[in-house]
């Protein structure tokens, strides 16, 4: 597996892992800010962005992809930051390979199995008539039938591009993401990770709740916790400056 990768900056290595339907480009603002202090390795997970498409997608597989990337780059260890699904990947990396992880930052996700949050998203994406699509505006109109939130549609449409035949297509491997959604919903599992971990929650998001406290501490006994006021599931984009400051304060202390 050769994941698509963007390397920026200098200093200690920091790997950034995006969430479901995301790409490394969604983190460009944070990559630029954090690269002033670290060598940032922003990656596209399998079946996302410009990384290879596969028929399977589990947390052990995605964690192994990250370790393979570290080996390819000659990284003995690194700080790892993961958001949402990428946060679960980061947790799995840490539990399977604790010696490869320095500090761990998990953004708006817990090590639990979630119910299906994305049935309307898959319905909307599958309903876009790529073959006859003439513009991104038209795609947005079609998505709006299933997804009323403009911000969510804009995020999803970052995956839309024109292929070599000049036809619209999705960069992500939509069939595999849908087929493997039960795997994506699962909790990462393994032995407890006994190193520092920072969990960052968006105030208005319900991905981390007090009900998950015991599960978090069972696997990450040295977990610290911060909430970003006024943000939802994408605090790194919604409150970018505050998010950057939190991350730097944590990594540098």
C-alpha atoms as a PDB file:
ATOM      1  CA  UNK A   1       0.000   0.000   0.000  1.00  0.00           C
ATOM      2  CA  UNK A   2       1.383   3.385  -1.018  1.00  0.00           C
ATOM      3  CA  UNK A   3      -0.896   6.023   0.470  1.00  0.00           C
ATOM      4  CA  UNK A   4      -1.025   9.434  -1.168  1.00  0.00           C
ATOM      5  CA  UNK A   5       1.022  11.754   0.975  1.00  0.00           C
ATOM      6  CA  UNK A   6       1.864  15.435   1.323  1.00  0.00           C
ATOM      7  CA  UNK A   7       4.933  16.399   3.361  1.00  0.00           C
ATOM      8  CA  UNK A   8       5.286  19.972   4.619  1.00  0.00           C
ATOM      9  CA  UNK A   9       7.492  21.819   7.080  1.00  0.00           C
ATOM     10  CA  UNK A  10      10.374  20.728   9.286  1.00  0.00           C
ATOM     11  CA  UNK A  11      10.873  19.373  12.787  1.00  0.00           C
ATOM     12  CA  UNK A  12       9.517  16.329  14.580  1.00  0.00           C
ATOM     13  CA  UNK A  13       7.106  14.231  12.471  1.00  0.00           C
ATOM     14  CA  UNK A  14       3.344  14.733  12.823  1.00  0.00           C
ATOM     15  CA  UNK A  15       0.967  12.504  10.851  1.00  0.00           C
ATOM     16  CA  UNK A  16      -2.539  13.858  10.118  1.00  0.00           C
ATOM     17  CA  UNK A  17      -5.323  11.388   9.254  1.00  0.00           C
ATOM     18  CA  UNK A  18      -8.652  12.650   7.853  1.00  0.00           C
ATOM     19  CA  UNK A  19     -12.142  11.246   8.439  1.00  0.00           C
ATOM     20  CA  UNK A  20     -14.732   9.409   6.357  1.00  0.00           C
ATOM     21  CA  UNK A  21     -15.293  11.016   2.912  1.00  0.00           C
ATOM     22  CA  UNK A  22     -12.376  13.358   3.623  1.00  0.00           C
ATOM     23  CA  UNK A  23      -8.955  13.892   2.055  1.00  0.00           C
ATOM     24  CA  UNK A  24      -5.681  15.431   3.115  1.00  0.00           C
ATOM     25  CA  UNK A  25      -6.793  18.610   1.319  1.00  0.00           C
ATOM     26  CA  UNK A  26      -9.481  19.170   3.980  1.00  0.00           C
ATOM     27  CA  UNK A  27      -6.593  19.739   6.411  1.00  0.00           C
ATOM     28  CA  UNK A  28      -4.639  22.208   4.283  1.00  0.00           C
ATOM     29  CA  UNK A  29      -5.164  25.108   6.701  1.00  0.00           C
ATOM     30  CA  UNK A  30      -4.013  23.124   9.730  1.00  0.00           C
ATOM     31  CA  UNK A  31      -1.186  21.547   7.735  1.00  0.00           C
ATOM     32  CA  UNK A  32       0.165  24.986   6.863  1.00  0.00           C
ATOM     33  CA  UNK A  33      -0.083  26.242  10.460  1.00  0.00           C
ATOM     34  CA  UNK A  34       1.386  23.135  12.094  1.00  0.00           C
ATOM     35  CA  UNK A  35       4.172  22.862   9.505  1.00  0.00           C
ATOM     36  CA  UNK A  36       5.732  25.979  11.033  1.00  0.00           C
ATOM     37  CA  UNK A  37       6.743  23.732  13.956  1.00  0.00           C
ATOM     38  CA  UNK A  38       6.636  20.124  12.679  1.00  0.00           C
ATOM     39  CA  UNK A  39       7.220  18.027   9.597  1.00  0.00           C
ATOM     40  CA  UNK A  40       3.600  17.312   8.743  1.00  0.00           C
ATOM     41  CA  UNK A  41       2.699  14.132   6.882  1.00  0.00           C
ATOM     42  CA  UNK A  42      -0.886  14.586   5.654  1.00  0.00           C
ATOM     43  CA  UNK A  43      -2.244  11.352   4.177  1.00  0.00           C
ATOM     44  CA  UNK A  44      -5.174  10.101   2.136  1.00  0.00           C
ATOM     45  CA  UNK A  45      -6.469   6.850   3.630  1.00  0.00           C
ATOM     46  CA  UNK A  46      -7.180   3.901   1.353  1.00  0.00           C
ATOM     47  CA  UNK A  47     -10.302   4.418  -0.791  1.00  0.00           C
ATOM     48  CA  UNK A  48     -10.058   8.180  -0.253  1.00  0.00           C
ATOM     49  CA  UNK A  49      -8.513  11.037  -2.185  1.00  0.00           C
ATOM     50  CA  UNK A  50      -5.668   9.941  -4.439  1.00  0.00           C
ATOM     51  CA  UNK A  51      -4.804   6.774  -2.498  1.00  0.00           C
ATOM     52  CA  UNK A  52      -5.372   3.277  -3.942  1.00  0.00           C
ATOM     53  CA  UNK A  53      -8.824   1.714  -4.017  1.00  0.00           C
ATOM     54  CA  UNK A  54      -9.325  -1.660  -2.336  1.00  0.00           C
ATOM     55  CA  UNK A  55     -12.251  -3.982  -1.730  1.00  0.00           C
ATOM     56  CA  UNK A  56     -11.741  -4.154   2.036  1.00  0.00           C
ATOM     57  CA  UNK A  57     -11.471  -1.503   4.723  1.00  0.00           C
ATOM     58  CA  UNK A  58     -11.003  -2.348   8.399  1.00  0.00           C
ATOM     59  CA  UNK A  59      -9.182  -0.569  11.223  1.00  0.00           C
ATOM     60  CA  UNK A  60      -6.430  -3.200  11.434  1.00  0.00           C
ATOM     61  CA  UNK A  61      -5.847  -2.770   7.683  1.00  0.00           C
ATOM     62  CA  UNK A  62      -5.846   1.031   7.822  1.00  0.00           C
ATOM     63  CA  UNK A  63      -3.563   1.030  10.865  1.00  0.00           C
ATOM     64  CA  UNK A  64      -1.174  -1.268   9.006  1.00  0.00           C
ATOM     65  CA  UNK A  65      -1.259   1.177   6.072  1.00  0.00           C
ATOM     66  CA  UNK A  66      -0.062   3.970   8.381  1.00  0.00           C
ATOM     67  CA  UNK A  67       2.741   1.819   9.799  1.00  0.00           C
ATOM     68  CA  UNK A  68       3.773   0.913   6.250  1.00  0.00           C
ATOM     69  CA  UNK A  69       3.817   4.611   5.362  1.00  0.00           C
ATOM     70  CA  UNK A  70       6.032   5.310   8.395  1.00  0.00           C
ATOM     71  CA  UNK A  71       8.401   2.546   7.306  1.00  0.00           C
ATOM     72  CA  UNK A  72       8.497   3.943   3.777  1.00  0.00           C
ATOM     73  CA  UNK A  73       9.372   7.386   5.158  1.00  0.00           C
ATOM     74  CA  UNK A  74      11.924   6.070   7.641  1.00  0.00           C
ATOM     75  CA  UNK A  75       9.940   7.233  10.683  1.00  0.00           C
ATOM     76  CA  UNK A  76      10.762   5.295  13.841  1.00  0.00           C
ATOM     77  CA  UNK A  77       7.946   7.128  15.652  1.00  0.00           C
ATOM     78  CA  UNK A  78       5.714  10.174  15.197  1.00  0.00           C
ATOM     79  CA  UNK A  79       2.991  12.256  16.756  1.00  0.00           C
ATOM     80  CA  UNK A  80      -0.334  11.194  15.236  1.00  0.00           C
ATOM     81  CA  UNK A  81      -3.483  13.300  14.893  1.00  0.00           C
ATOM     82  CA  UNK A  82      -6.686  11.715  13.602  1.00  0.00           C
ATOM     83  CA  UNK A  83     -10.181  13.089  13.052  1.00  0.00           C
ATOM     84  CA  UNK A  84     -13.390  11.015  13.203  1.00  0.00           C
ATOM     85  CA  UNK A  85     -12.749   7.759  11.298  1.00  0.00           C
ATOM     86  CA  UNK A  86      -9.125   8.855  11.067  1.00  0.00           C
ATOM     87  CA  UNK A  87      -9.139   9.165  14.842  1.00  0.00           C
ATOM     88  CA  UNK A  88     -10.147   5.519  15.117  1.00  0.00           C
ATOM     89  CA  UNK A  89      -7.337   4.620  12.730  1.00  0.00           C
ATOM     90  CA  UNK A  90      -4.915   6.593  14.917  1.00  0.00           C
ATOM     91  CA  UNK A  91      -6.179   4.777  18.031  1.00  0.00           C
ATOM     92  CA  UNK A  92      -5.683   1.416  16.327  1.00  0.00           C
ATOM     93  CA  UNK A  93      -2.136   2.372  15.321  1.00  0.00           C
ATOM     94  CA  UNK A  94      -1.379   3.348  18.929  1.00  0.00           C
ATOM     95  CA  UNK A  95      -2.834   0.183  20.451  1.00  0.00           C
ATOM     96  CA  UNK A  96      -1.114  -2.121  17.947  1.00  0.00           C
ATOM     97  CA  UNK A  97       2.224  -0.259  17.828  1.00  0.00           C
ATOM     98  CA  UNK A  98       2.638   1.897  20.946  1.00  0.00           C
ATOM     99  CA  UNK A  99       6.381   2.265  20.385  1.00  0.00           C
ATOM    100  CA  UNK A 100       5.719   4.009  17.047  1.00  0.00           C
ATOM    101  CA  UNK A 101       3.527   6.742  18.554  1.00  0.00           C
ATOM    102  CA  UNK A 102       4.844   9.694  20.570  1.00  0.00           C
ATOM    103  CA  UNK A 103       1.773  11.788  21.397  1.00  0.00           C
ATOM    104  CA  UNK A 104      -1.710  11.013  20.148  1.00  0.00           C
ATOM    105  CA  UNK A 105      -4.463  13.528  19.337  1.00  0.00           C
ATOM    106  CA  UNK A 106      -7.999  12.289  18.662  1.00  0.00           C
ATOM    107  CA  UNK A 107     -10.506  14.757  17.223  1.00  0.00           C
ATOM    108  CA  UNK A 108     -14.228  14.350  17.906  1.00  0.00           C
ATOM    109  CA  UNK A 109     -14.505  10.573  18.041  1.00  0.00           C
ATOM    110  CA  UNK A 110     -14.508   7.906  20.767  1.00  0.00           C
ATOM    111  CA  UNK A 111     -13.373   4.254  20.727  1.00  0.00           C
ATOM    112  CA  UNK A 112     -16.933   2.968  20.478  1.00  0.00           C
ATOM    113  CA  UNK A 113     -19.213   1.449  17.863  1.00  0.00           C
ATOM    114  CA  UNK A 114     -21.606   4.047  16.475  1.00  0.00           C
ATOM    115  CA  UNK A 115     -25.025   3.549  14.916  1.00  0.00           C
ATOM    116  CA  UNK A 116     -25.408   4.312  11.222  1.00  0.00           C
ATOM    117  CA  UNK A 117     -24.965   8.093  10.905  1.00  0.00           C
ATOM    118  CA  UNK A 118     -24.520   8.163   7.147  1.00  0.00           C
ATOM    119  CA  UNK A 119     -27.434   6.444   5.389  1.00  0.00           C
ATOM    120  CA  UNK A 120     -28.691   9.765   3.982  1.00  0.00           C
ATOM    121  CA  UNK A 121     -25.174  10.686   2.850  1.00  0.00           C
ATOM    122  CA  UNK A 122     -24.780   7.435   0.915  1.00  0.00           C
ATOM    123  CA  UNK A 123     -28.257   7.869  -0.557  1.00  0.00           C
ATOM    124  CA  UNK A 124     -27.396  11.385  -1.681  1.00  0.00           C
ATOM    125  CA  UNK A 125     -24.030  10.432  -3.185  1.00  0.00           C
ATOM    126  CA  UNK A 126     -25.477   7.442  -5.025  1.00  0.00           C
ATOM    127  CA  UNK A 127     -28.303   9.591  -6.400  1.00  0.00           C
ATOM    128  CA  UNK A 128     -25.963  12.026  -8.159  1.00  0.00           C
ATOM    129  CA  UNK A 129     -26.214  11.298 -11.886  1.00  0.00           C
ATOM    130  CA  UNK A 130     -22.502  11.420 -12.673  1.00  0.00           C
ATOM    131  CA  UNK A 131     -22.942  10.269 -16.273  1.00  0.00           C
ATOM    132  CA  UNK A 132     -25.111  13.253 -17.218  1.00  0.00           C
ATOM    133  CA  UNK A 133     -23.782  15.793 -14.734  1.00  0.00           C
ATOM    134  CA  UNK A 134     -22.793  19.104 -16.321  1.00  0.00           C
ATOM    135  CA  UNK A 135     -21.666  21.212 -13.326  1.00  0.00           C
ATOM    136  CA  UNK A 136     -20.836  21.161  -9.637  1.00  0.00           C
ATOM    137  CA  UNK A 137     -23.881  23.346  -9.030  1.00  0.00           C
ATOM    138  CA  UNK A 138     -26.053  20.642 -10.541  1.00  0.00           C
ATOM    139  CA  UNK A 139     -24.400  18.046  -8.304  1.00  0.00           C
ATOM    140  CA  UNK A 140     -25.111  20.211  -5.279  1.00  0.00           C
ATOM    141  CA  UNK A 141     -28.768  20.498  -6.295  1.00  0.00           C
ATOM    142  CA  UNK A 142     -29.052  16.722  -6.591  1.00  0.00           C
ATOM    143  CA  UNK A 143     -27.321  16.165  -3.243  1.00  0.00           C
ATOM    144  CA  UNK A 144     -29.643  18.631  -1.548  1.00  0.00           C
ATOM    145  CA  UNK A 145     -32.559  16.224  -2.017  1.00  0.00           C
ATOM    146  CA  UNK A 146     -31.003  13.975   0.661  1.00  0.00           C
ATOM    147  CA  UNK A 147     -28.591  16.324   2.453  1.00  0.00           C
ATOM    148  CA  UNK A 148     -30.075  19.703   3.448  1.00  0.00           C
ATOM    149  CA  UNK A 149     -26.944  21.002   5.239  1.00  0.00           C
ATOM    150  CA  UNK A 150     -24.931  23.184   2.839  1.00  0.00           C
ATOM    151  CA  UNK A 151     -21.674  22.713   4.768  1.00  0.00           C
ATOM    152  CA  UNK A 152     -21.966  18.924   4.557  1.00  0.00           C
ATOM    153  CA  UNK A 153     -22.656  19.082   0.811  1.00  0.00           C
ATOM    154  CA  UNK A 154     -19.680  21.378   0.247  1.00  0.00           C
ATOM    155  CA  UNK A 155     -17.462  18.968   2.165  1.00  0.00           C
ATOM    156  CA  UNK A 156     -18.689  15.968   0.145  1.00  0.00           C
ATOM    157  CA  UNK A 157     -18.305  17.813  -3.146  1.00  0.00           C
ATOM    158  CA  UNK A 158     -14.579  18.217  -2.552  1.00  0.00           C
ATOM    159  CA  UNK A 159     -14.492  14.587  -3.753  1.00  0.00           C
ATOM    160  CA  UNK A 160     -15.981  15.454  -7.143  1.00  0.00           C
ATOM    161  CA  UNK A 161     -13.562  15.750 -10.074  1.00  0.00           C
ATOM    162  CA  UNK A 162     -13.367  15.235 -13.823  1.00  0.00           C
ATOM    163  CA  UNK A 163     -11.581  12.056 -14.907  1.00  0.00           C
ATOM    164  CA  UNK A 164      -9.394  11.576 -17.979  1.00  0.00           C
ATOM    165  CA  UNK A 165     -12.529  11.262 -20.107  1.00  0.00           C
ATOM    166  CA  UNK A 166     -13.620  14.689 -18.752  1.00  0.00           C
ATOM    167  CA  UNK A 167     -16.599  13.081 -17.008  1.00  0.00           C
ATOM    168  CA  UNK A 168     -17.493  13.811 -13.411  1.00  0.00           C
ATOM    169  CA  UNK A 169     -16.524  11.075 -10.939  1.00  0.00           C
ATOM    170  CA  UNK A 170     -15.938  10.550  -7.224  1.00  0.00           C
ATOM    171  CA  UNK A 171     -12.331  10.292  -6.051  1.00  0.00           C
ATOM    172  CA  UNK A 172     -13.416   8.155  -3.106  1.00  0.00           C
ATOM    173  CA  UNK A 173     -14.257   4.496  -3.637  1.00  0.00           C
ATOM    174  CA  UNK A 174     -17.943   4.876  -2.846  1.00  0.00           C
ATOM    175  CA  UNK A 175     -18.928   1.197  -3.372  1.00  0.00           C
ATOM    176  CA  UNK A 176     -16.303  -0.039  -0.884  1.00  0.00           C
ATOM    177  CA  UNK A 177     -17.086   2.670   1.667  1.00  0.00           C
ATOM    178  CA  UNK A 178     -20.728   1.649   1.602  1.00  0.00           C
ATOM    179  CA  UNK A 179     -20.025  -2.096   1.591  1.00  0.00           C
ATOM    180  CA  UNK A 180     -17.581  -1.765   4.502  1.00  0.00           C
ATOM    181  CA  UNK A 181     -19.595   0.719   6.538  1.00  0.00           C
ATOM    182  CA  UNK A 182     -20.233  -1.807   9.325  1.00  0.00           C
ATOM    183  CA  UNK A 183     -16.451  -2.153   9.715  1.00  0.00           C
ATOM    184  CA  UNK A 184     -16.037   1.630   9.725  1.00  0.00           C
ATOM    185  CA  UNK A 185     -18.675   1.913  12.472  1.00  0.00           C
ATOM    186  CA  UNK A 186     -16.832  -0.499  14.752  1.00  0.00           C
ATOM    187  CA  UNK A 187     -14.633   0.464  17.671  1.00  0.00           C
ATOM    188  CA  UNK A 188     -10.876   0.020  17.417  1.00  0.00           C
ATOM    189  CA  UNK A 189      -9.713  -2.644  19.839  1.00  0.00           C
ATOM    190  CA  UNK A 190      -6.527  -3.821  21.457  1.00  0.00           C
ATOM    191  CA  UNK A 191      -4.436  -3.382  24.610  1.00  0.00           C
ATOM    192  CA  UNK A 192      -4.548  -0.061  26.444  1.00  0.00           C
ATOM    193  CA  UNK A 193      -2.234   2.684  25.174  1.00  0.00           C
ATOM    194  CA  UNK A 194      -0.327   3.965  28.192  1.00  0.00           C
ATOM    195  CA  UNK A 195       0.996   7.232  26.733  1.00  0.00           C
ATOM    196  CA  UNK A 196      -0.420  10.770  26.618  1.00  0.00           C
ATOM    197  CA  UNK A 197      -3.557  11.238  24.502  1.00  0.00           C
ATOM    198  CA  UNK A 198      -5.563  14.390  23.889  1.00  0.00           C
ATOM    199  CA  UNK A 199      -9.238  14.078  22.948  1.00  0.00           C
ATOM    200  CA  UNK A 200     -10.649  17.244  21.347  1.00  0.00           C
ATOM    201  CA  UNK A 201     -14.447  17.573  21.191  1.00  0.00           C
ATOM    202  CA  UNK A 202     -16.585  20.032  19.267  1.00  0.00           C
ATOM    203  CA  UNK A 203     -19.103  21.508  21.707  1.00  0.00           C
ATOM    204  CA  UNK A 204     -22.091  20.999  19.399  1.00  0.00           C
ATOM    205  CA  UNK A 205     -21.117  17.494  18.266  1.00  0.00           C
ATOM    206  CA  UNK A 206     -22.478  14.297  19.817  1.00  0.00           C
ATOM    207  CA  UNK A 207     -19.599  12.031  18.783  1.00  0.00           C
ATOM    208  CA  UNK A 208     -18.067  12.260  22.274  1.00  0.00           C
ATOM    209  CA  UNK A 209     -20.468  12.148  25.219  1.00  0.00           C
ATOM    210  CA  UNK A 210     -20.077  11.499  28.970  1.00  0.00           C
ATOM    211  CA  UNK A 211     -21.439   7.988  28.340  1.00  0.00           C
ATOM    212  CA  UNK A 212     -18.180   7.117  26.565  1.00  0.00           C
ATOM    213  CA  UNK A 213     -15.881   8.157  29.403  1.00  0.00           C
ATOM    214  CA  UNK A 214     -15.317   4.640  30.731  1.00  0.00           C
ATOM    215  CA  UNK A 215     -14.514   3.227  27.283  1.00  0.00           C
ATOM    216  CA  UNK A 216     -12.033   6.020  26.636  1.00  0.00           C
ATOM    217  CA  UNK A 217     -10.220   5.635  29.950  1.00  0.00           C
ATOM    218  CA  UNK A 218     -10.129   1.841  29.709  1.00  0.00           C
ATOM    219  CA  UNK A 219      -8.104   2.051  26.496  1.00  0.00           C
ATOM    220  CA  UNK A 220      -6.387   5.416  27.059  1.00  0.00           C
ATOM    221  CA  UNK A 221      -5.774   5.806  30.809  1.00  0.00           C
ATOM    222  CA  UNK A 222      -3.654   8.946  30.316  1.00  0.00           C
ATOM    223  CA  UNK A 223      -6.294  10.700  28.212  1.00  0.00           C
ATOM    224  CA  UNK A 224      -6.709  14.457  28.510  1.00  0.00           C
ATOM    225  CA  UNK A 225      -9.769  16.260  27.200  1.00  0.00           C
ATOM    226  CA  UNK A 226     -10.547  19.664  25.684  1.00  0.00           C
ATOM    227  CA  UNK A 227     -13.749  21.097  24.259  1.00  0.00           C
ATOM    228  CA  UNK A 228     -13.840  23.778  21.565  1.00  0.00           C
ATOM    229  CA  UNK A 229     -16.790  26.063  22.173  1.00  0.00           C
ATOM    230  CA  UNK A 230     -19.107  26.871  19.290  1.00  0.00           C
ATOM    231  CA  UNK A 231     -17.836  24.131  16.996  1.00  0.00           C
ATOM    232  CA  UNK A 232     -19.373  20.944  15.665  1.00  0.00           C
ATOM    233  CA  UNK A 233     -17.784  17.806  14.234  1.00  0.00           C
ATOM    234  CA  UNK A 234     -15.107  19.739  12.301  1.00  0.00           C
ATOM    235  CA  UNK A 235     -13.487  21.937  14.980  1.00  0.00           C
ATOM    236  CA  UNK A 236     -10.239  22.108  12.993  1.00  0.00           C
ATOM    237  CA  UNK A 237     -12.114  23.989  10.259  1.00  0.00           C
ATOM    238  CA  UNK A 238     -14.815  25.759  12.265  1.00  0.00           C
ATOM    239  CA  UNK A 239     -12.488  27.182  14.940  1.00  0.00           C
ATOM    240  CA  UNK A 240      -9.159  26.854  13.175  1.00  0.00           C
ATOM    241  CA  UNK A 241      -7.016  29.222  15.242  1.00  0.00           C
ATOM    242  CA  UNK A 242      -8.227  27.814  18.570  1.00  0.00           C
ATOM    243  CA  UNK A 243      -7.696  24.273  17.306  1.00  0.00           C
ATOM    244  CA  UNK A 244      -4.126  24.986  16.188  1.00  0.00           C
ATOM    245  CA  UNK A 245      -3.299  26.562  19.543  1.00  0.00           C
ATOM    246  CA  UNK A 246      -4.676  23.549  21.429  1.00  0.00           C
ATOM    247  CA  UNK A 247      -2.660  21.117  19.331  1.00  0.00           C
ATOM    248  CA  UNK A 248       0.586  23.082  19.642  1.00  0.00           C
ATOM    249  CA  UNK A 249       0.184  23.586  23.389  1.00  0.00           C
ATOM    250  CA  UNK A 250      -0.323  19.853  23.822  1.00  0.00           C
ATOM    251  CA  UNK A 251       2.526  18.703  21.600  1.00  0.00           C
ATOM    252  CA  UNK A 252       5.017  21.191  22.991  1.00  0.00           C
ATOM    253  CA  UNK A 253       4.438  20.744  26.712  1.00  0.00           C
END
